[in-house]
Amino acid sequence: MSKSIFYHAGCPVCVSAEHDILDLLGANSVDIVNIGENKSRIEEAEQAGVKSVPALLTPNGNVLHINFGASITDVKG
């Protein structure tokens, strides 16, 4: 994996963090995944170790949980 992946659920906390991440890392360095809209990517996020969103998965596999918007369980519904 050469890019970071930013997982979020579309809530105001997540959207604010998305803007900050894009400002810090640049749009070419991070893939944005809204698991609130794209639920097929939830399993991928869970397997990477994401417990809550917003979260940033770094290229070396570390998960950085940012603030707290929602747990993965809440996003699953």
N, C-alpha and C. Protein backbone atom coordinates (compact mmCIF):
# COMPACT_ATOMS: atom_id res chain seq x y z
N MET A 1 0.86 -1.17 0.00
CA MET A 1 0.00 0.00 0.00
C MET A 1 0.90 1.23 0.00
N SER A 2 0.73 2.10 -0.97
CA SER A 2 1.57 3.29 -1.06
C SER A 2 0.87 4.56 -0.56
N LYS A 3 -0.44 4.51 -0.48
CA LYS A 3 -1.21 5.65 0.01
C LYS A 3 -1.82 5.34 1.36
N SER A 4 -2.11 6.38 2.12
CA SER A 4 -2.91 6.22 3.33
C SER A 4 -4.37 6.09 2.91
N ILE A 5 -5.18 5.50 3.77
CA ILE A 5 -6.62 5.41 3.52
C ILE A 5 -7.31 6.07 4.71
N PHE A 6 -8.17 7.03 4.42
CA PHE A 6 -8.93 7.71 5.46
C PHE A 6 -10.35 7.20 5.42
N TYR A 7 -10.74 6.48 6.47
CA TYR A 7 -12.09 5.94 6.58
C TYR A 7 -12.94 6.88 7.41
N HIS A 8 -14.15 7.15 6.96
CA HIS A 8 -15.08 7.96 7.74
C HIS A 8 -16.50 7.58 7.40
N ALA A 9 -17.45 8.17 8.15
CA ALA A 9 -18.86 7.79 7.97
C ALA A 9 -19.73 8.95 7.49
N GLY A 10 -19.13 10.08 7.18
CA GLY A 10 -19.89 11.19 6.64
C GLY A 10 -20.46 12.15 7.67
N CYS A 11 -20.24 11.88 8.95
CA CYS A 11 -20.75 12.77 10.00
C CYS A 11 -19.92 14.07 10.03
N PRO A 12 -20.41 15.11 10.69
CA PRO A 12 -19.67 16.37 10.73
C PRO A 12 -18.25 16.24 11.29
N VAL A 13 -18.06 15.41 12.33
CA VAL A 13 -16.72 15.19 12.87
C VAL A 13 -15.82 14.59 11.80
N CYS A 14 -16.34 13.62 11.07
CA CYS A 14 -15.58 12.93 10.03
C CYS A 14 -15.23 13.86 8.87
N VAL A 15 -16.19 14.64 8.44
CA VAL A 15 -15.97 15.54 7.30
C VAL A 15 -14.94 16.60 7.66
N SER A 16 -15.00 17.12 8.88
CA SER A 16 -14.02 18.09 9.34
C SER A 16 -12.62 17.47 9.35
N ALA A 17 -12.51 16.25 9.86
CA ALA A 17 -11.23 15.55 9.88
C ALA A 17 -10.74 15.27 8.46
N GLU A 18 -11.65 14.94 7.55
CA GLU A 18 -11.28 14.69 6.15
C GLU A 18 -10.61 15.92 5.56
N HIS A 19 -11.18 17.09 5.79
CA HIS A 19 -10.60 18.33 5.26
C HIS A 19 -9.20 18.55 5.83
N ASP A 20 -9.03 18.31 7.13
CA ASP A 20 -7.72 18.48 7.76
C ASP A 20 -6.70 17.49 7.20
N ILE A 21 -7.11 16.24 7.03
CA ILE A 21 -6.21 15.22 6.49
C ILE A 21 -5.78 15.58 5.08
N LEU A 22 -6.73 16.02 4.25
CA LEU A 22 -6.39 16.41 2.88
C LEU A 22 -5.45 17.60 2.87
N ASP A 23 -5.66 18.56 3.77
CA ASP A 23 -4.77 19.72 3.87
C ASP A 23 -3.36 19.28 4.29
N LEU A 24 -3.28 18.35 5.22
CA LEU A 24 -1.98 17.90 5.73
C LEU A 24 -1.24 16.99 4.77
N LEU A 25 -1.93 16.02 4.19
CA LEU A 25 -1.27 15.00 3.38
C LEU A 25 -1.35 15.24 1.88
N GLY A 26 -2.36 15.97 1.44
CA GLY A 26 -2.56 16.19 0.02
C GLY A 26 -3.43 15.10 -0.58
N ALA A 27 -4.24 15.48 -1.52
CA ALA A 27 -5.21 14.56 -2.14
C ALA A 27 -4.54 13.39 -2.85
N ASN A 28 -3.32 13.56 -3.31
CA ASN A 28 -2.63 12.47 -4.01
C ASN A 28 -2.03 11.43 -3.07
N SER A 29 -2.02 11.72 -1.77
CA SER A 29 -1.38 10.83 -0.80
C SER A 29 -2.37 10.01 0.01
N VAL A 30 -3.67 10.27 -0.18
CA VAL A 30 -4.66 9.59 0.65
C VAL A 30 -5.91 9.26 -0.15
N ASP A 31 -6.41 8.05 0.06
CA ASP A 31 -7.70 7.65 -0.51
C ASP A 31 -8.76 7.90 0.56
N ILE A 32 -9.85 8.52 0.18
CA ILE A 32 -10.95 8.80 1.09
C ILE A 32 -12.02 7.74 0.90
N VAL A 33 -12.43 7.08 1.99
CA VAL A 33 -13.46 6.05 1.92
C VAL A 33 -14.55 6.40 2.92
N ASN A 34 -15.72 6.73 2.42
CA ASN A 34 -16.88 6.99 3.26
C ASN A 34 -17.63 5.67 3.43
N ILE A 35 -17.39 5.01 4.57
CA ILE A 35 -18.04 3.71 4.78
C ILE A 35 -19.50 3.85 5.15
N GLY A 36 -19.94 5.08 5.41
CA GLY A 36 -21.36 5.31 5.61
C GLY A 36 -22.12 5.15 4.30
N GLU A 37 -21.48 5.53 3.21
CA GLU A 37 -22.08 5.40 1.87
C GLU A 37 -21.65 4.11 1.18
N ASN A 38 -20.43 3.65 1.47
CA ASN A 38 -19.88 2.48 0.79
C ASN A 38 -19.65 1.37 1.82
N LYS A 39 -20.74 0.77 2.26
CA LYS A 39 -20.68 -0.23 3.33
C LYS A 39 -19.90 -1.47 2.93
N SER A 40 -19.67 -1.69 1.65
CA SER A 40 -18.89 -2.85 1.22
C SER A 40 -17.43 -2.75 1.66
N ARG A 41 -16.99 -1.57 2.09
CA ARG A 41 -15.61 -1.38 2.52
C ARG A 41 -15.44 -1.51 4.04
N ILE A 42 -16.55 -1.75 4.77
CA ILE A 42 -16.47 -1.88 6.23
C ILE A 42 -15.59 -3.06 6.63
N GLU A 43 -15.78 -4.20 6.00
CA GLU A 43 -14.99 -5.38 6.34
C GLU A 43 -13.51 -5.12 6.13
N GLU A 44 -13.17 -4.46 5.05
CA GLU A 44 -11.78 -4.08 4.77
C GLU A 44 -11.21 -3.23 5.91
N ALA A 45 -11.99 -2.25 6.35
CA ALA A 45 -11.55 -1.37 7.43
C ALA A 45 -11.37 -2.17 8.72
N GLU A 46 -12.32 -3.05 9.02
CA GLU A 46 -12.21 -3.87 10.23
C GLU A 46 -10.97 -4.76 10.19
N GLN A 47 -10.70 -5.37 9.06
CA GLN A 47 -9.54 -6.24 8.92
C GLN A 47 -8.24 -5.46 9.09
N ALA A 48 -8.26 -4.19 8.75
CA ALA A 48 -7.07 -3.34 8.92
C ALA A 48 -6.89 -2.90 10.37
N GLY A 49 -7.95 -3.08 11.20
CA GLY A 49 -7.86 -2.71 12.60
C GLY A 49 -8.63 -1.46 12.98
N VAL A 50 -9.44 -0.94 12.07
CA VAL A 50 -10.24 0.25 12.36
C VAL A 50 -11.36 -0.13 13.32
N LYS A 51 -11.43 0.57 14.45
CA LYS A 51 -12.45 0.33 15.47
C LYS A 51 -13.52 1.41 15.49
N SER A 52 -13.13 2.61 15.04
CA SER A 52 -14.05 3.74 15.00
C SER A 52 -13.60 4.68 13.89
N VAL A 53 -14.51 5.52 13.47
CA VAL A 53 -14.19 6.50 12.44
C VAL A 53 -14.42 7.89 13.00
N PRO A 54 -13.67 8.85 12.54
CA PRO A 54 -12.68 8.81 11.48
C PRO A 54 -11.39 8.12 11.91
N ALA A 55 -10.75 7.47 10.94
CA ALA A 55 -9.48 6.79 11.19
C ALA A 55 -8.63 6.83 9.92
N LEU A 56 -7.33 6.92 10.13
CA LEU A 56 -6.39 6.94 9.02
C LEU A 56 -5.53 5.69 9.08
N LEU A 57 -5.53 4.91 8.01
CA LEU A 57 -4.68 3.75 7.86
C LEU A 57 -3.44 4.19 7.10
N THR A 58 -2.28 4.09 7.74
CA THR A 58 -1.04 4.54 7.11
C THR A 58 -0.52 3.47 6.15
N PRO A 59 0.37 3.86 5.24
CA PRO A 59 0.90 2.87 4.29
C PRO A 59 1.59 1.67 4.94
N ASN A 60 2.12 1.84 6.16
CA ASN A 60 2.77 0.70 6.81
C ASN A 60 1.83 -0.09 7.70
N GLY A 61 0.52 0.21 7.65
CA GLY A 61 -0.49 -0.60 8.33
C GLY A 61 -0.92 -0.13 9.70
N ASN A 62 -0.41 1.01 10.15
CA ASN A 62 -0.86 1.55 11.43
C ASN A 62 -2.21 2.24 11.27
N VAL A 63 -3.09 2.06 12.25
CA VAL A 63 -4.39 2.73 12.25
C VAL A 63 -4.34 3.86 13.26
N LEU A 64 -4.60 5.07 12.81
CA LEU A 64 -4.64 6.24 13.66
C LEU A 64 -6.09 6.65 13.82
N HIS A 65 -6.66 6.41 15.00
CA HIS A 65 -8.04 6.79 15.27
C HIS A 65 -8.05 8.27 15.63
N ILE A 66 -8.84 9.03 14.90
CA ILE A 66 -8.87 10.48 15.03
C ILE A 66 -10.19 10.90 15.64
N ASN A 67 -10.11 11.59 16.79
CA ASN A 67 -11.34 12.05 17.43
C ASN A 67 -12.27 10.86 17.62
N PHE A 68 -13.55 11.06 17.66
CA PHE A 68 -14.49 9.94 17.69
C PHE A 68 -15.80 10.40 17.07
N GLY A 69 -16.14 9.79 15.95
CA GLY A 69 -17.40 10.09 15.28
C GLY A 69 -18.40 8.97 15.50
N ALA A 70 -17.97 7.73 15.24
CA ALA A 70 -18.85 6.57 15.38
C ALA A 70 -18.01 5.30 15.42
N SER A 71 -18.50 4.30 16.14
CA SER A 71 -17.83 3.01 16.13
C SER A 71 -18.19 2.28 14.83
N ILE A 72 -17.37 1.35 14.45
CA ILE A 72 -17.65 0.53 13.26
C ILE A 72 -18.99 -0.20 13.44
N THR A 73 -19.26 -0.66 14.64
CA THR A 73 -20.53 -1.35 14.92
C THR A 73 -21.72 -0.44 14.63
N ASP A 74 -21.61 0.84 15.00
CA ASP A 74 -22.70 1.79 14.74
C ASP A 74 -22.88 2.01 13.24
N VAL A 75 -21.78 2.07 12.51
CA VAL A 75 -21.86 2.31 11.06
C VAL A 75 -22.48 1.11 10.35
N LYS A 76 -22.20 -0.08 10.85
CA LYS A 76 -22.78 -1.30 10.25
C LYS A 76 -24.31 -1.28 10.35
N GLY A 77 -24.81 -0.69 11.42
CA GLY A 77 -26.27 -0.58 11.58
C GLY A 77 -26.91 -1.71 12.21
